[in-house]
Amino acid sequence: MSPDLVCSATGCRRTATRALLWNNPTLHTLERRKVWLACADHEQSLGEFLSLRSFLKDTIDVGELTDAHG
């Protein structure tokens, strides 16, 4: 795993293990996916934040990320 895959939670510097794919439909086309990375400790809180806004589209392992994910 690449050392630059760091959790997106504020202040966290842990290695990310999951990728949360999201989209804000008021700003992005329906096909567009933004990516937040999450360590095990922050996957749930980041996912809840995005879900409450109906932004979360999918969650995958960081090993599944491709250039197409952004």
C-alpha atoms as a PDB file:
ATOM      1  CA  MET A   1       0.000   0.000   0.000  1.00  0.00           C
ATOM      2  CA  SER A   2       1.266   3.440  -0.870  1.00  0.00           C
ATOM      3  CA  PRO A   3       2.361   5.537   2.143  1.00  0.00           C
ATOM      4  CA  ASP A   4       0.621   8.610   0.699  1.00  0.00           C
ATOM      5  CA  LEU A   5      -2.828   7.047   1.210  1.00  0.00           C
ATOM      6  CA  VAL A   6      -3.608   8.897   4.429  1.00  0.00           C
ATOM      7  CA  CYS A   7      -6.974   9.091   6.162  1.00  0.00           C
ATOM      8  CA  SER A   8      -9.030  12.153   5.180  1.00  0.00           C
ATOM      9  CA  ALA A   9     -10.319  12.763   8.721  1.00  0.00           C
ATOM     10  CA  THR A  10      -9.146  16.091  10.127  1.00  0.00           C
ATOM     11  CA  GLY A  11      -5.827  15.692  11.910  1.00  0.00           C
ATOM     12  CA  CYS A  12      -5.513  11.959  11.234  1.00  0.00           C
ATOM     13  CA  ARG A  13      -2.249  10.735   9.693  1.00  0.00           C
ATOM     14  CA  ARG A  14      -3.011   7.002   9.749  1.00  0.00           C
ATOM     15  CA  THR A  15      -2.786   4.861   6.647  1.00  0.00           C
ATOM     16  CA  ALA A  16      -6.113   4.589   4.849  1.00  0.00           C
ATOM     17  CA  THR A  17      -7.609   1.158   4.260  1.00  0.00           C
ATOM     18  CA  ARG A  18     -10.956   2.155   2.731  1.00  0.00           C
ATOM     19  CA  ALA A  19     -12.075   4.638   0.078  1.00  0.00           C
ATOM     20  CA  LEU A  20     -15.441   6.375   0.357  1.00  0.00           C
ATOM     21  CA  LEU A  21     -16.752   7.355  -3.065  1.00  0.00           C
ATOM     22  CA  TRP A  22     -19.142  10.262  -2.981  1.00  0.00           C
ATOM     23  CA  ASN A  23     -20.839  12.877  -5.087  1.00  0.00           C
ATOM     24  CA  ASN A  24     -22.527  16.185  -4.305  1.00  0.00           C
ATOM     25  CA  PRO A  25     -25.234  16.345  -7.007  1.00  0.00           C
ATOM     26  CA  THR A  26     -25.529  20.120  -6.737  1.00  0.00           C
ATOM     27  CA  LEU A  27     -21.848  20.489  -7.709  1.00  0.00           C
ATOM     28  CA  HIS A  28     -20.922  17.367  -9.692  1.00  0.00           C
ATOM     29  CA  THR A  29     -22.290  15.402 -12.625  1.00  0.00           C
ATOM     30  CA  LEU A  30     -24.046  12.167 -11.629  1.00  0.00           C
ATOM     31  CA  GLU A  31     -21.129  10.048 -12.905  1.00  0.00           C
ATOM     32  CA  ARG A  32     -18.444  11.971 -10.993  1.00  0.00           C
ATOM     33  CA  ARG A  33     -17.008  10.360  -7.876  1.00  0.00           C
ATOM     34  CA  LYS A  34     -14.923  12.194  -5.304  1.00  0.00           C
ATOM     35  CA  VAL A  35     -12.805  10.092  -2.928  1.00  0.00           C
ATOM     36  CA  TRP A  36     -12.247  10.362   0.793  1.00  0.00           C
ATOM     37  CA  LEU A  37      -9.797   7.924   2.320  1.00  0.00           C
ATOM     38  CA  ALA A  38     -10.452   6.403   5.724  1.00  0.00           C
ATOM     39  CA  CYS A  39      -8.505   4.458   8.328  1.00  0.00           C
ATOM     40  CA  ALA A  40     -10.333   1.820  10.361  1.00  0.00           C
ATOM     41  CA  ASP A  41     -11.037   4.343  13.138  1.00  0.00           C
ATOM     42  CA  HIS A  42     -12.691   6.928  10.862  1.00  0.00           C
ATOM     43  CA  GLU A  43     -14.508   4.898   8.191  1.00  0.00           C
ATOM     44  CA  GLN A  44     -17.785   4.967  10.119  1.00  0.00           C
ATOM     45  CA  SER A  45     -17.750   8.674  11.048  1.00  0.00           C
ATOM     46  CA  LEU A  46     -16.753   9.827   7.553  1.00  0.00           C
ATOM     47  CA  GLY A  47     -19.354   7.502   6.026  1.00  0.00           C
ATOM     48  CA  GLU A  48     -22.079   8.796   8.349  1.00  0.00           C
ATOM     49  CA  PHE A  49     -21.198  12.403   7.489  1.00  0.00           C
ATOM     50  CA  LEU A  50     -21.563  11.683   3.766  1.00  0.00           C
ATOM     51  CA  SER A  51     -24.652   9.476   4.200  1.00  0.00           C
ATOM     52  CA  LEU A  52     -26.541  12.119   6.180  1.00  0.00           C
ATOM     53  CA  ARG A  53     -26.183  14.396   3.153  1.00  0.00           C
ATOM     54  CA  SER A  54     -27.023  11.579   0.689  1.00  0.00           C
ATOM     55  CA  PHE A  55     -23.547  11.974  -0.857  1.00  0.00           C
ATOM     56  CA  LEU A  56     -22.076   8.496  -0.177  1.00  0.00           C
ATOM     57  CA  LYS A  57     -22.244   6.265  -3.247  1.00  0.00           C
ATOM     58  CA  ASP A  58     -19.897   3.380  -2.410  1.00  0.00           C
ATOM     59  CA  THR A  59     -17.122   2.221  -0.090  1.00  0.00           C
ATOM     60  CA  ILE A  60     -14.257   0.088  -1.391  1.00  0.00           C
ATOM     61  CA  ASP A  61     -10.844  -1.141  -0.265  1.00  0.00           C
ATOM     62  CA  VAL A  62      -8.052   1.278  -1.203  1.00  0.00           C
ATOM     63  CA  GLY A  63      -6.466  -1.550  -3.184  1.00  0.00           C
ATOM     64  CA  GLU A  64      -9.429  -1.357  -5.576  1.00  0.00           C
ATOM     65  CA  LEU A  65      -8.852   2.333  -6.406  1.00  0.00           C
ATOM     66  CA  THR A  66      -7.920   3.086  -9.994  1.00  0.00           C
ATOM     67  CA  ASP A  67      -7.036   6.272 -11.866  1.00  0.00           C
ATOM     68  CA  ALA A  68     -10.694   6.420 -12.899  1.00  0.00           C
ATOM     69  CA  HIS A  69     -11.633   7.119  -9.253  1.00  0.00           C
ATOM     70  CA  GLY A  70      -9.735  10.413  -9.295  1.00  0.00           C
END
